[in-house]
């Protein structure tokens, strides 16, 4: 006859066997959730983690998750004289991390004047303040093929570079839709010549998907 002590031992053993897979599943889910939160927070705080590393943490087919958590492009609107956002004047903005300044790139959708759309380019210093660009301003991009392309700068107004030439806009779109490229910006400030450069890394076609989804 089985004693109460033996019965208690058996039930304790069965309970451990049942609880083990549940505990492992809970730890696994918790680990995945924490990884997602850490990656998203690190990017939002402009941490040193590269955009490429963040994008690697998401499966290739999960575009919806990429746009929600790791998409570098954000939808913004131009503001009127009262500081109110104009819903009829949207643009996409992103930060191309570089040293010693961060390059900011805005894409403005096509209109009657710029049928291919246009780009605005400016830089921010380490304090988050816009740094005016003085001419002549030059920007170069180098793709995976090793060739360097010089972007045609239409003009500089209030320290912001405008890229409106259709062929140049299309070329820059092509680079943004590639997996990666190097970029270099040269300008004048304080009567001296300066330069800042960095590296863009994403998945093929990601820029165009951002345009289709956000604009």
N, C-alpha and C. Protein backbone atom coordinates (compact mmCIF):
# COMPACT_ATOMS: atom_id res chain seq x y z
N UNK A 1 0.85 -1.20 0.00
CA UNK A 1 0.00 0.00 0.00
C UNK A 1 0.89 1.25 0.00
N UNK A 2 0.50 2.18 -0.86
CA UNK A 2 1.30 3.41 -0.99
C UNK A 2 1.01 4.36 0.15
N UNK A 3 2.07 4.83 0.76
CA UNK A 3 1.90 5.74 1.88
C UNK A 3 1.61 7.15 1.39
N UNK A 4 1.08 7.98 2.33
CA UNK A 4 0.82 9.38 1.99
C UNK A 4 2.11 10.09 1.61
N UNK A 5 3.20 9.68 2.22
CA UNK A 5 4.51 10.31 1.94
C UNK A 5 4.93 10.04 0.49
N UNK A 6 4.74 8.77 0.05
CA UNK A 6 5.10 8.41 -1.32
C UNK A 6 4.21 9.12 -2.33
N UNK A 7 2.92 9.24 -2.01
CA UNK A 7 1.98 9.95 -2.90
C UNK A 7 2.40 11.41 -3.05
N UNK A 8 2.78 12.02 -1.95
CA UNK A 8 3.19 13.43 -1.98
C UNK A 8 4.42 13.61 -2.85
N UNK A 9 5.37 12.66 -2.75
CA UNK A 9 6.60 12.74 -3.56
C UNK A 9 6.25 12.62 -5.04
N UNK A 10 5.34 11.68 -5.40
CA UNK A 10 4.95 11.51 -6.80
C UNK A 10 4.31 12.77 -7.36
N UNK A 11 3.40 13.36 -6.60
CA UNK A 11 2.71 14.58 -7.08
C UNK A 11 3.69 15.73 -7.22
N UNK A 12 4.66 15.81 -6.32
CA UNK A 12 5.68 16.87 -6.43
C UNK A 12 6.49 16.69 -7.71
N UNK A 13 6.82 15.43 -8.03
CA UNK A 13 7.60 15.15 -9.24
C UNK A 13 6.79 15.51 -10.49
N UNK A 14 5.49 15.09 -10.51
CA UNK A 14 4.64 15.42 -11.65
C UNK A 14 4.51 16.93 -11.83
N UNK A 15 4.39 17.63 -10.74
CA UNK A 15 4.25 19.08 -10.81
C UNK A 15 5.49 19.73 -11.42
N UNK A 16 6.68 19.26 -11.03
CA UNK A 16 7.93 19.80 -11.58
C UNK A 16 8.01 19.54 -13.08
N UNK A 17 7.62 18.31 -13.50
CA UNK A 17 7.66 17.95 -14.92
C UNK A 17 6.73 18.86 -15.73
N UNK A 18 5.56 19.14 -15.19
CA UNK A 18 4.60 20.00 -15.90
C UNK A 18 5.03 21.45 -15.92
N UNK A 19 5.62 21.94 -14.84
CA UNK A 19 5.98 23.35 -14.73
C UNK A 19 7.22 23.71 -15.53
N UNK A 20 8.12 22.74 -15.79
CA UNK A 20 9.38 23.05 -16.46
C UNK A 20 9.19 23.63 -17.85
N UNK A 21 8.42 22.97 -18.75
CA UNK A 21 8.25 23.58 -20.09
C UNK A 21 7.55 24.92 -20.05
N UNK A 22 6.61 25.09 -19.12
CA UNK A 22 5.90 26.37 -19.00
C UNK A 22 6.88 27.47 -18.61
N UNK A 23 7.77 27.14 -17.66
CA UNK A 23 8.76 28.13 -17.21
C UNK A 23 9.71 28.49 -18.35
N UNK A 24 10.17 27.49 -19.10
CA UNK A 24 11.08 27.75 -20.21
C UNK A 24 10.41 28.61 -21.28
N UNK A 25 9.13 28.34 -21.58
CA UNK A 25 8.38 29.14 -22.56
C UNK A 25 8.26 30.58 -22.10
N UNK A 26 8.00 30.78 -20.81
CA UNK A 26 7.85 32.13 -20.27
C UNK A 26 9.15 32.90 -20.36
N UNK A 27 10.27 32.23 -20.05
CA UNK A 27 11.58 32.89 -20.14
C UNK A 27 11.88 33.27 -21.56
N UNK A 28 11.56 32.36 -22.52
CA UNK A 28 11.82 32.63 -23.93
C UNK A 28 11.05 33.83 -24.41
N UNK A 29 9.75 33.90 -24.08
CA UNK A 29 8.92 35.03 -24.49
C UNK A 29 9.43 36.31 -23.87
N UNK A 30 9.77 36.26 -22.60
CA UNK A 30 10.27 37.44 -21.91
C UNK A 30 11.54 37.95 -22.55
N UNK A 31 12.42 37.02 -22.94
CA UNK A 31 13.69 37.41 -23.56
C UNK A 31 13.45 38.11 -24.87
N UNK A 32 12.53 37.58 -25.71
CA UNK A 32 12.24 38.21 -26.99
C UNK A 32 11.64 39.59 -26.80
N UNK A 33 10.74 39.73 -25.86
CA UNK A 33 10.10 41.03 -25.63
C UNK A 33 11.11 42.06 -25.18
N UNK A 34 11.99 41.67 -24.25
CA UNK A 34 12.98 42.61 -23.75
C UNK A 34 13.94 43.04 -24.85
N UNK A 35 14.32 42.11 -25.75
CA UNK A 35 15.21 42.45 -26.85
C UNK A 35 14.58 43.51 -27.74
N UNK A 36 13.29 43.35 -28.07
CA UNK A 36 12.60 44.32 -28.91
C UNK A 36 12.57 45.68 -28.25
N UNK A 37 12.24 45.71 -26.98
CA UNK A 37 12.14 46.99 -26.27
C UNK A 37 13.50 47.68 -26.19
N UNK A 38 14.54 46.92 -25.93
CA UNK A 38 15.87 47.50 -25.82
C UNK A 38 16.31 48.09 -27.15
N UNK A 39 16.08 47.34 -28.25
CA UNK A 39 16.50 47.83 -29.55
C UNK A 39 15.78 49.12 -29.91
N UNK A 40 14.46 49.15 -29.71
CA UNK A 40 13.70 50.34 -30.06
C UNK A 40 14.12 51.53 -29.21
N UNK A 41 14.31 51.32 -27.91
CA UNK A 41 14.69 52.41 -27.02
C UNK A 41 16.07 52.93 -27.36
N UNK A 42 17.01 52.02 -27.65
CA UNK A 42 18.37 52.45 -27.98
C UNK A 42 18.38 53.34 -29.21
N UNK A 43 17.57 52.98 -30.21
CA UNK A 43 17.57 53.80 -31.43
C UNK A 43 16.91 55.15 -31.17
N UNK A 44 15.79 55.17 -30.44
CA UNK A 44 15.10 56.42 -30.17
C UNK A 44 15.99 57.38 -29.38
N UNK A 45 16.84 56.86 -28.52
CA UNK A 45 17.73 57.70 -27.73
C UNK A 45 19.03 58.01 -28.48
N UNK A 46 19.06 57.65 -29.77
CA UNK A 46 20.23 57.94 -30.60
C UNK A 46 21.49 57.35 -29.97
N UNK A 47 21.39 56.11 -29.51
CA UNK A 47 22.50 55.47 -28.85
C UNK A 47 23.56 55.08 -29.88
N UNK A 48 24.65 54.54 -29.43
CA UNK A 48 25.75 54.20 -30.32
C UNK A 48 25.48 52.94 -31.13
N UNK A 49 24.40 52.22 -30.82
CA UNK A 49 24.08 51.02 -31.60
C UNK A 49 23.74 51.42 -33.02
N UNK A 50 24.37 50.80 -34.00
CA UNK A 50 24.18 51.16 -35.40
C UNK A 50 22.81 50.71 -35.88
N UNK A 51 22.29 51.44 -36.87
CA UNK A 51 20.99 51.08 -37.44
C UNK A 51 21.03 49.67 -38.02
N UNK A 52 22.15 49.29 -38.61
CA UNK A 52 22.26 47.95 -39.19
C UNK A 52 22.06 46.88 -38.13
N UNK A 53 22.61 47.08 -36.94
CA UNK A 53 22.47 46.10 -35.87
C UNK A 53 21.02 45.97 -35.46
N UNK A 54 20.30 47.09 -35.38
CA UNK A 54 18.88 47.06 -34.99
C UNK A 54 18.06 46.31 -36.04
N UNK A 55 18.33 46.59 -37.32
CA UNK A 55 17.56 45.95 -38.37
C UNK A 55 17.84 44.45 -38.44
N UNK A 56 19.04 44.04 -38.06
CA UNK A 56 19.37 42.62 -38.09
C UNK A 56 18.53 41.82 -37.11
N UNK A 57 18.01 42.46 -36.07
CA UNK A 57 17.25 41.76 -35.05
C UNK A 57 15.83 41.43 -35.49
N UNK A 58 15.43 41.89 -36.68
CA UNK A 58 14.08 41.61 -37.16
C UNK A 58 14.13 40.68 -38.36
N UNK A 59 13.21 39.74 -38.47
CA UNK A 59 13.20 38.83 -39.62
C UNK A 59 13.02 39.61 -40.92
N UNK A 60 13.50 39.05 -42.02
CA UNK A 60 13.44 39.74 -43.31
C UNK A 60 12.01 40.07 -43.72
N UNK A 61 11.06 39.19 -43.38
CA UNK A 61 9.69 39.39 -43.86
C UNK A 61 8.86 40.30 -42.98
N UNK A 62 9.39 40.77 -41.85
CA UNK A 62 8.56 41.52 -40.90
C UNK A 62 8.67 43.03 -41.12
N UNK A 63 8.24 43.50 -42.30
CA UNK A 63 8.30 44.93 -42.61
C UNK A 63 7.44 45.75 -41.65
N UNK A 64 6.29 45.21 -41.26
CA UNK A 64 5.42 45.96 -40.36
C UNK A 64 6.13 46.24 -39.04
N UNK A 65 6.84 45.24 -38.50
CA UNK A 65 7.57 45.43 -37.26
C UNK A 65 8.74 46.39 -37.46
N UNK A 66 9.38 46.31 -38.62
CA UNK A 66 10.50 47.20 -38.91
C UNK A 66 10.02 48.66 -38.91
N UNK A 67 8.91 48.92 -39.55
CA UNK A 67 8.42 50.29 -39.63
C UNK A 67 7.99 50.80 -38.25
N UNK A 68 7.47 49.89 -37.42
CA UNK A 68 6.97 50.31 -36.12
C UNK A 68 8.11 50.55 -35.13
N UNK A 69 9.15 49.72 -35.19
CA UNK A 69 10.17 49.77 -34.15
C UNK A 69 11.52 50.30 -34.63
N UNK A 70 11.89 50.04 -35.89
CA UNK A 70 13.26 50.35 -36.30
C UNK A 70 13.34 51.20 -37.56
N UNK A 71 12.22 51.75 -38.03
CA UNK A 71 12.25 52.56 -39.24
C UNK A 71 12.91 53.91 -38.96
N UNK A 72 13.99 54.25 -39.69
CA UNK A 72 14.64 55.54 -39.44
C UNK A 72 13.86 56.72 -39.98
N UNK A 73 12.92 56.47 -40.89
CA UNK A 73 12.19 57.58 -41.50
C UNK A 73 10.94 57.91 -40.69
N UNK A 74 10.70 59.19 -40.49
CA UNK A 74 9.54 59.67 -39.74
C UNK A 74 8.75 60.66 -40.60
N UNK A 75 7.44 60.63 -40.47
CA UNK A 75 6.60 61.57 -41.21
C UNK A 75 6.47 62.87 -40.43
N UNK A 76 6.77 63.98 -41.09
CA UNK A 76 6.64 65.31 -40.49
C UNK A 76 5.88 66.22 -41.44
N UNK A 77 5.55 67.42 -40.98
CA UNK A 77 4.84 68.40 -41.80
C UNK A 77 5.48 69.77 -41.63
N UNK A 78 5.50 70.53 -42.73
CA UNK A 78 5.96 71.91 -42.62
C UNK A 78 4.99 72.70 -41.76
N UNK A 79 5.48 73.73 -41.10
CA UNK A 79 4.64 74.55 -40.23
C UNK A 79 4.39 75.93 -40.83
N UNK A 80 3.22 76.50 -40.50
CA UNK A 80 2.91 77.83 -41.01
C UNK A 80 3.49 78.90 -40.09
N UNK A 81 3.14 80.16 -40.34
CA UNK A 81 3.72 81.26 -39.57
C UNK A 81 3.32 81.24 -38.09
N UNK A 82 2.30 80.46 -37.74
CA UNK A 82 1.87 80.36 -36.33
C UNK A 82 2.43 79.09 -35.68
N UNK A 83 3.27 78.38 -36.38
CA UNK A 83 3.86 77.18 -35.82
C UNK A 83 2.96 75.96 -35.89
N UNK A 84 1.89 76.04 -36.66
CA UNK A 84 0.97 74.92 -36.80
C UNK A 84 1.38 74.04 -37.98
N UNK A 85 1.26 72.73 -37.82
CA UNK A 85 1.64 71.81 -38.88
C UNK A 85 0.65 71.90 -40.04
N UNK A 86 1.19 71.90 -41.24
CA UNK A 86 0.37 71.95 -42.45
C UNK A 86 0.22 70.53 -42.99
N UNK A 87 -0.96 69.92 -42.88
CA UNK A 87 -1.14 68.53 -43.32
C UNK A 87 -0.97 68.37 -44.83
N UNK A 88 -1.04 69.46 -45.58
CA UNK A 88 -0.88 69.40 -47.03
C UNK A 88 0.58 69.53 -47.46
N UNK A 89 1.49 69.65 -46.50
CA UNK A 89 2.90 69.81 -46.82
C UNK A 89 3.73 68.81 -46.01
N UNK A 90 3.64 67.52 -46.37
CA UNK A 90 4.37 66.50 -45.59
C UNK A 90 5.81 66.31 -46.10
N UNK A 91 6.64 65.74 -45.27
CA UNK A 91 7.97 65.31 -45.69
C UNK A 91 8.45 64.21 -44.75
N UNK A 92 9.35 63.39 -45.26
CA UNK A 92 9.98 62.34 -44.46
C UNK A 92 11.32 62.85 -43.96
N UNK A 93 11.66 62.53 -42.74
CA UNK A 93 12.95 62.96 -42.20
C UNK A 93 13.66 61.77 -41.56
N UNK A 94 14.97 61.79 -41.65
CA UNK A 94 15.78 60.76 -41.02
C UNK A 94 17.11 61.36 -40.61
N UNK A 95 17.78 60.69 -39.72
CA UNK A 95 19.09 61.14 -39.24
C UNK A 95 20.13 60.15 -39.72
N UNK A 96 21.08 60.62 -40.53
CA UNK A 96 22.18 59.78 -40.99
C UNK A 96 23.33 59.99 -40.03
N UNK A 97 23.50 59.07 -39.11
CA UNK A 97 24.49 59.25 -38.04
C UNK A 97 25.90 59.35 -38.61
N UNK A 98 26.64 60.30 -38.11
CA UNK A 98 27.99 60.54 -38.61
C UNK A 98 28.80 61.25 -37.54
N UNK A 99 30.05 61.55 -37.87
CA UNK A 99 30.94 62.23 -36.93
C UNK A 99 31.65 63.35 -37.69
N UNK A 100 31.82 64.54 -37.11
CA UNK A 100 31.43 64.94 -35.75
C UNK A 100 30.00 65.48 -35.65
N UNK A 101 29.30 65.66 -36.79
CA UNK A 101 27.93 66.13 -36.75
C UNK A 101 27.01 65.07 -37.33
N UNK A 102 25.74 65.15 -36.99
CA UNK A 102 24.76 64.24 -37.58
C UNK A 102 24.10 64.92 -38.77
N UNK A 103 24.10 64.20 -39.90
CA UNK A 103 23.46 64.73 -41.10
C UNK A 103 21.97 64.39 -41.05
N UNK A 104 21.14 65.37 -41.30
CA UNK A 104 19.70 65.16 -41.35
C UNK A 104 19.24 65.27 -42.80
N UNK A 105 18.45 64.31 -43.24
CA UNK A 105 17.99 64.26 -44.62
C UNK A 105 16.48 64.20 -44.65
N UNK A 106 15.87 65.17 -45.33
CA UNK A 106 14.41 65.22 -45.48
C UNK A 106 14.06 64.94 -46.93
N UNK A 107 13.03 64.13 -47.14
CA UNK A 107 12.51 63.91 -48.49
C UNK A 107 11.13 64.55 -48.61
N UNK A 108 11.00 65.44 -49.59
CA UNK A 108 9.73 66.13 -49.83
C UNK A 108 9.10 65.52 -51.08
N UNK A 109 7.84 65.09 -51.03
CA UNK A 109 7.22 64.42 -52.19
C UNK A 109 7.10 65.35 -53.39
N UNK A 110 6.81 64.76 -54.54
CA UNK A 110 6.75 65.50 -55.79
C UNK A 110 5.62 66.53 -55.81
N UNK A 111 5.84 67.59 -56.57
CA UNK A 111 4.82 68.60 -56.81
C UNK A 111 5.01 69.12 -58.23
N UNK A 112 4.30 70.20 -58.59
CA UNK A 112 4.39 70.72 -59.95
C UNK A 112 5.78 71.25 -60.28
N UNK A 113 6.50 71.75 -59.28
CA UNK A 113 7.82 72.33 -59.50
C UNK A 113 8.90 71.26 -59.51
N UNK A 114 8.78 70.27 -58.61
CA UNK A 114 9.77 69.19 -58.51
C UNK A 114 9.06 67.85 -58.71
N UNK A 115 8.85 67.43 -59.96
CA UNK A 115 8.09 66.19 -60.23
C UNK A 115 8.72 64.93 -59.66
N UNK A 116 10.04 64.93 -59.42
CA UNK A 116 10.70 63.76 -58.85
C UNK A 116 10.80 63.84 -57.34
N UNK A 117 10.26 64.94 -56.76
CA UNK A 117 10.44 65.18 -55.34
C UNK A 117 11.72 65.95 -55.11
N UNK A 118 12.08 66.18 -53.87
CA UNK A 118 13.30 66.92 -53.55
C UNK A 118 13.81 66.48 -52.18
N UNK A 119 15.07 66.81 -51.90
CA UNK A 119 15.68 66.51 -50.62
C UNK A 119 16.16 67.80 -49.96
N UNK A 120 16.07 67.84 -48.64
CA UNK A 120 16.68 68.92 -47.85
C UNK A 120 17.75 68.28 -46.98
N UNK A 121 18.88 68.98 -46.86
CA UNK A 121 20.02 68.42 -46.17
C UNK A 121 20.59 69.45 -45.21
N UNK A 122 20.76 69.08 -43.95
CA UNK A 122 21.37 69.99 -42.97
C UNK A 122 22.01 69.14 -41.88
N UNK A 123 22.78 69.77 -41.01
CA UNK A 123 23.48 69.02 -39.98
C UNK A 123 23.14 69.56 -38.60
N UNK A 124 23.28 68.68 -37.60
CA UNK A 124 23.04 69.04 -36.21
C UNK A 124 24.32 68.79 -35.43
N UNK A 125 24.64 69.71 -34.51
CA UNK A 125 25.83 69.51 -33.70
C UNK A 125 25.54 68.58 -32.53
N UNK A 126 26.52 68.37 -31.67
CA UNK A 126 26.36 67.42 -30.57
C UNK A 126 25.32 67.87 -29.54
N UNK A 127 24.96 69.17 -29.54
CA UNK A 127 23.95 69.69 -28.63
C UNK A 127 22.55 69.66 -29.23
N UNK A 128 22.41 69.12 -30.44
CA UNK A 128 21.11 69.06 -31.09
C UNK A 128 20.72 70.36 -31.76
N UNK A 129 21.66 71.26 -31.96
CA UNK A 129 21.38 72.54 -32.61
C UNK A 129 21.76 72.47 -34.08
N UNK A 130 20.93 73.08 -34.93
CA UNK A 130 21.23 73.09 -36.36
C UNK A 130 22.47 73.93 -36.63
N UNK A 131 23.38 73.39 -37.42
CA UNK A 131 24.59 74.09 -37.80
C UNK A 131 24.45 74.57 -39.23
N UNK A 132 24.53 75.89 -39.43
CA UNK A 132 24.37 76.44 -40.77
C UNK A 132 25.49 75.99 -41.68
N UNK A 133 25.15 75.69 -42.92
CA UNK A 133 26.12 75.30 -43.93
C UNK A 133 26.44 76.53 -44.78
N UNK A 134 27.71 76.76 -45.01
CA UNK A 134 28.15 77.86 -45.86
C UNK A 134 28.76 77.28 -47.13
N UNK A 135 28.57 77.98 -48.24
CA UNK A 135 29.06 77.48 -49.51
C UNK A 135 30.54 77.68 -49.70
N UNK A 136 31.08 76.98 -50.69
CA UNK A 136 30.38 75.96 -51.50
C UNK A 136 30.15 74.66 -50.72
N UNK A 137 28.98 74.06 -50.93
CA UNK A 137 28.62 72.82 -50.25
C UNK A 137 28.71 71.67 -51.25
N UNK A 138 29.33 70.59 -50.83
CA UNK A 138 29.46 69.42 -51.69
C UNK A 138 29.05 68.18 -50.91
N UNK A 139 28.39 67.25 -51.59
CA UNK A 139 28.05 65.97 -50.97
C UNK A 139 28.40 64.86 -51.93
N UNK A 140 29.03 63.82 -51.40
CA UNK A 140 29.44 62.68 -52.21
C UNK A 140 28.89 61.40 -51.59
N UNK A 141 28.51 60.47 -52.46
CA UNK A 141 28.06 59.15 -52.00
C UNK A 141 28.86 58.10 -52.75
N UNK A 142 29.19 57.00 -52.05
CA UNK A 142 29.95 55.91 -52.65
C UNK A 142 29.23 54.61 -52.36
N UNK A 143 28.80 53.94 -53.42
CA UNK A 143 28.04 52.70 -53.27
C UNK A 143 28.92 51.48 -53.16
N UNK A 144 28.27 50.31 -53.20
CA UNK A 144 28.98 49.04 -53.04
C UNK A 144 29.93 48.78 -54.20
N UNK A 145 29.68 49.41 -55.36
CA UNK A 145 30.56 49.20 -56.51
C UNK A 145 31.86 49.98 -56.39
N UNK A 146 31.97 50.84 -55.36
CA UNK A 146 33.19 51.59 -55.13
C UNK A 146 33.27 52.92 -55.86
N UNK A 147 32.29 53.21 -56.72
CA UNK A 147 32.30 54.46 -57.46
C UNK A 147 31.69 55.58 -56.62
N UNK A 148 32.27 56.77 -56.74
CA UNK A 148 31.80 57.94 -55.99
C UNK A 148 30.97 58.83 -56.89
N UNK A 149 29.80 59.26 -56.37
CA UNK A 149 28.89 60.10 -57.13
C UNK A 149 28.76 61.44 -56.41
N UNK A 150 28.94 62.53 -57.14
CA UNK A 150 28.81 63.87 -56.57
C UNK A 150 27.40 64.38 -56.78
N UNK A 151 26.71 64.73 -55.68
CA UNK A 151 25.34 65.22 -55.78
C UNK A 151 25.34 66.70 -56.18
N UNK A 152 24.45 67.04 -57.07
CA UNK A 152 24.34 68.44 -57.48
C UNK A 152 23.51 69.20 -56.46
N UNK A 153 24.15 70.17 -55.82
CA UNK A 153 23.47 70.99 -54.81
C UNK A 153 22.78 72.16 -55.50
N UNK A 154 21.46 72.23 -55.40
CA UNK A 154 20.70 73.29 -56.06
C UNK A 154 20.99 74.63 -55.43
N UNK A 155 21.01 74.69 -54.11
CA UNK A 155 21.26 75.95 -53.43
C UNK A 155 21.21 75.77 -51.92
N UNK A 156 21.63 76.80 -51.20
CA UNK A 156 21.61 76.79 -49.74
C UNK A 156 20.81 77.99 -49.27
N UNK A 157 19.77 77.72 -48.48
CA UNK A 157 18.93 78.79 -47.93
C UNK A 157 18.81 78.59 -46.43
N UNK A 158 19.23 79.59 -45.68
CA UNK A 158 19.18 79.52 -44.21
C UNK A 158 19.92 78.30 -43.68
N UNK A 159 21.04 77.98 -44.31
CA UNK A 159 21.86 76.87 -43.83
C UNK A 159 21.37 75.50 -44.23
N UNK A 160 20.30 75.42 -45.02
CA UNK A 160 19.74 74.14 -45.45
C UNK A 160 20.01 73.95 -46.94
N UNK A 161 20.58 72.81 -47.29
CA UNK A 161 20.87 72.49 -48.68
C UNK A 161 19.62 71.93 -49.34
N UNK A 162 19.34 72.39 -50.55
CA UNK A 162 18.20 71.89 -51.31
C UNK A 162 18.70 71.13 -52.53
N UNK A 163 18.25 69.88 -52.67
CA UNK A 163 18.59 69.05 -53.82
C UNK A 163 17.31 68.87 -54.63
N UNK A 164 17.22 69.55 -55.76
CA UNK A 164 15.98 69.56 -56.53
C UNK A 164 16.16 69.10 -57.97
N UNK A 165 17.40 68.96 -58.41
CA UNK A 165 17.65 68.48 -59.77
C UNK A 165 17.09 67.07 -59.92
N UNK A 166 16.17 66.82 -60.88
CA UNK A 166 15.51 65.51 -60.99
C UNK A 166 16.48 64.33 -61.08
N UNK A 167 17.53 64.45 -61.89
CA UNK A 167 18.48 63.35 -62.05
C UNK A 167 19.20 63.06 -60.73
N UNK A 168 19.54 64.13 -59.98
CA UNK A 168 20.23 63.94 -58.71
C UNK A 168 19.30 63.33 -57.67
N UNK A 169 18.04 63.77 -57.65
CA UNK A 169 17.06 63.21 -56.71
C UNK A 169 16.86 61.72 -56.98
N UNK A 170 16.72 61.35 -58.25
CA UNK A 170 16.53 59.95 -58.61
C UNK A 170 17.76 59.13 -58.21
N UNK A 171 18.94 59.68 -58.44
CA UNK A 171 20.17 58.97 -58.08
C UNK A 171 20.26 58.75 -56.57
N UNK A 172 19.91 59.79 -55.78
CA UNK A 172 19.95 59.66 -54.32
C UNK A 172 18.92 58.64 -53.84
N UNK A 173 17.76 58.61 -54.48
CA UNK A 173 16.76 57.59 -54.15
C UNK A 173 17.32 56.19 -54.37
N UNK A 174 18.03 56.01 -55.48
CA UNK A 174 18.61 54.71 -55.78
C UNK A 174 19.59 54.28 -54.70
N UNK A 175 20.41 55.22 -54.25
CA UNK A 175 21.37 54.89 -53.19
C UNK A 175 20.65 54.54 -51.90
N UNK A 176 19.60 55.29 -51.56
CA UNK A 176 18.86 55.01 -50.33
C UNK A 176 18.13 53.68 -50.39
N UNK A 177 17.79 53.23 -51.60
CA UNK A 177 17.11 51.95 -51.75
C UNK A 177 18.07 50.78 -51.80
N UNK A 178 19.37 51.07 -51.90
CA UNK A 178 20.36 50.00 -51.83
C UNK A 178 20.62 49.65 -50.37
N UNK A 179 21.36 48.57 -50.15
CA UNK A 179 21.59 48.11 -48.79
C UNK A 179 22.47 49.08 -48.01
N UNK A 180 23.48 49.65 -48.65
CA UNK A 180 24.38 50.52 -47.91
C UNK A 180 25.21 51.39 -48.85
N UNK A 181 25.66 52.52 -48.32
CA UNK A 181 26.58 53.38 -49.04
C UNK A 181 27.25 54.32 -48.04
N UNK A 182 28.38 54.87 -48.45
CA UNK A 182 29.09 55.87 -47.65
C UNK A 182 28.71 57.25 -48.16
N UNK A 183 28.69 58.23 -47.28
CA UNK A 183 28.40 59.60 -47.70
C UNK A 183 29.37 60.57 -47.02
N UNK A 184 29.61 61.68 -47.69
CA UNK A 184 30.52 62.70 -47.18
C UNK A 184 29.97 64.07 -47.54
N UNK A 185 29.90 64.96 -46.57
CA UNK A 185 29.40 66.32 -46.78
C UNK A 185 30.51 67.31 -46.45
N UNK A 186 30.79 68.23 -47.38
CA UNK A 186 31.80 69.25 -47.18
C UNK A 186 31.15 70.63 -47.24
N UNK A 187 31.56 71.52 -46.35
CA UNK A 187 30.96 72.86 -46.28
C UNK A 187 31.91 73.80 -45.57
N UNK A 188 31.53 75.07 -45.51
CA UNK A 188 32.33 76.07 -44.82
C UNK A 188 31.60 76.57 -43.58
N UNK A 189 32.34 76.82 -42.51
CA UNK A 189 31.79 77.38 -41.29
C UNK A 189 32.94 78.03 -40.53
N UNK A 190 32.64 79.21 -39.97
CA UNK A 190 33.67 79.96 -39.25
C UNK A 190 34.90 80.21 -40.14
N UNK A 191 34.63 80.45 -41.43
CA UNK A 191 35.68 80.76 -42.41
C UNK A 191 36.67 79.61 -42.59
N UNK A 192 36.25 78.39 -42.24
CA UNK A 192 37.10 77.22 -42.42
C UNK A 192 36.31 76.14 -43.17
N UNK A 193 37.04 75.28 -43.83
CA UNK A 193 36.43 74.18 -44.56
C UNK A 193 36.25 73.00 -43.61
N UNK A 194 35.04 72.44 -43.57
CA UNK A 194 34.74 71.31 -42.69
C UNK A 194 34.15 70.16 -43.52
N UNK A 195 34.15 68.99 -42.92
CA UNK A 195 33.53 67.83 -43.56
C UNK A 195 33.00 66.89 -42.50
N UNK A 196 31.97 66.17 -42.83
CA UNK A 196 31.42 65.14 -41.96
C UNK A 196 31.00 63.99 -42.84
N UNK A 197 31.15 62.77 -42.36
CA UNK A 197 30.85 61.62 -43.19
C UNK A 197 30.31 60.49 -42.34
N UNK A 198 29.69 59.54 -43.00
CA UNK A 198 29.10 58.42 -42.27
C UNK A 198 28.73 57.30 -43.23
N UNK A 199 27.89 56.40 -42.75
CA UNK A 199 27.55 55.19 -43.51
C UNK A 199 26.06 54.91 -43.35
N UNK A 200 25.37 54.71 -44.47
CA UNK A 200 23.96 54.36 -44.46
C UNK A 200 23.82 52.86 -44.64
N UNK A 201 23.00 52.23 -43.81
CA UNK A 201 22.81 50.79 -43.91
C UNK A 201 21.35 50.46 -43.68
N UNK A 202 20.76 49.72 -44.61
CA UNK A 202 19.36 49.33 -44.48
C UNK A 202 19.15 48.08 -45.33
N UNK A 203 17.90 47.75 -45.63
CA UNK A 203 17.60 46.62 -46.49
C UNK A 203 17.17 47.14 -47.86
N UNK A 204 17.37 46.37 -48.93
CA UNK A 204 17.04 46.84 -50.28
C UNK A 204 15.58 47.29 -50.39
N UNK A 205 15.37 48.46 -50.98
CA UNK A 205 14.02 48.96 -51.22
C UNK A 205 13.34 49.54 -50.00
N UNK A 206 14.05 49.64 -48.87
CA UNK A 206 13.40 50.07 -47.64
C UNK A 206 12.95 51.54 -47.71
N UNK A 207 13.75 52.40 -48.37
CA UNK A 207 13.37 53.80 -48.49
C UNK A 207 12.07 53.95 -49.26
N UNK A 208 11.94 53.24 -50.38
CA UNK A 208 10.72 53.36 -51.19
C UNK A 208 9.51 52.84 -50.42
N UNK A 209 9.69 51.79 -49.64
CA UNK A 209 8.57 51.29 -48.84
C UNK A 209 8.17 52.31 -47.77
N UNK A 210 9.15 53.05 -47.25
CA UNK A 210 8.83 54.10 -46.29
C UNK A 210 8.03 55.21 -46.96
N UNK A 211 8.41 55.57 -48.19
CA UNK A 211 7.67 56.59 -48.94
C UNK A 211 6.25 56.13 -49.20
N UNK A 212 6.09 54.88 -49.66
CA UNK A 212 4.75 54.37 -49.99
C UNK A 212 3.88 54.26 -48.74
N UNK A 213 4.49 53.94 -47.61
CA UNK A 213 3.71 53.72 -46.39
C UNK A 213 3.38 55.02 -45.66
N UNK A 214 4.33 55.96 -45.64
CA UNK A 214 4.18 57.14 -44.79
C UNK A 214 3.68 58.38 -45.55
N UNK A 215 3.89 58.44 -46.86
CA UNK A 215 3.43 59.62 -47.60
C UNK A 215 2.16 59.32 -48.39
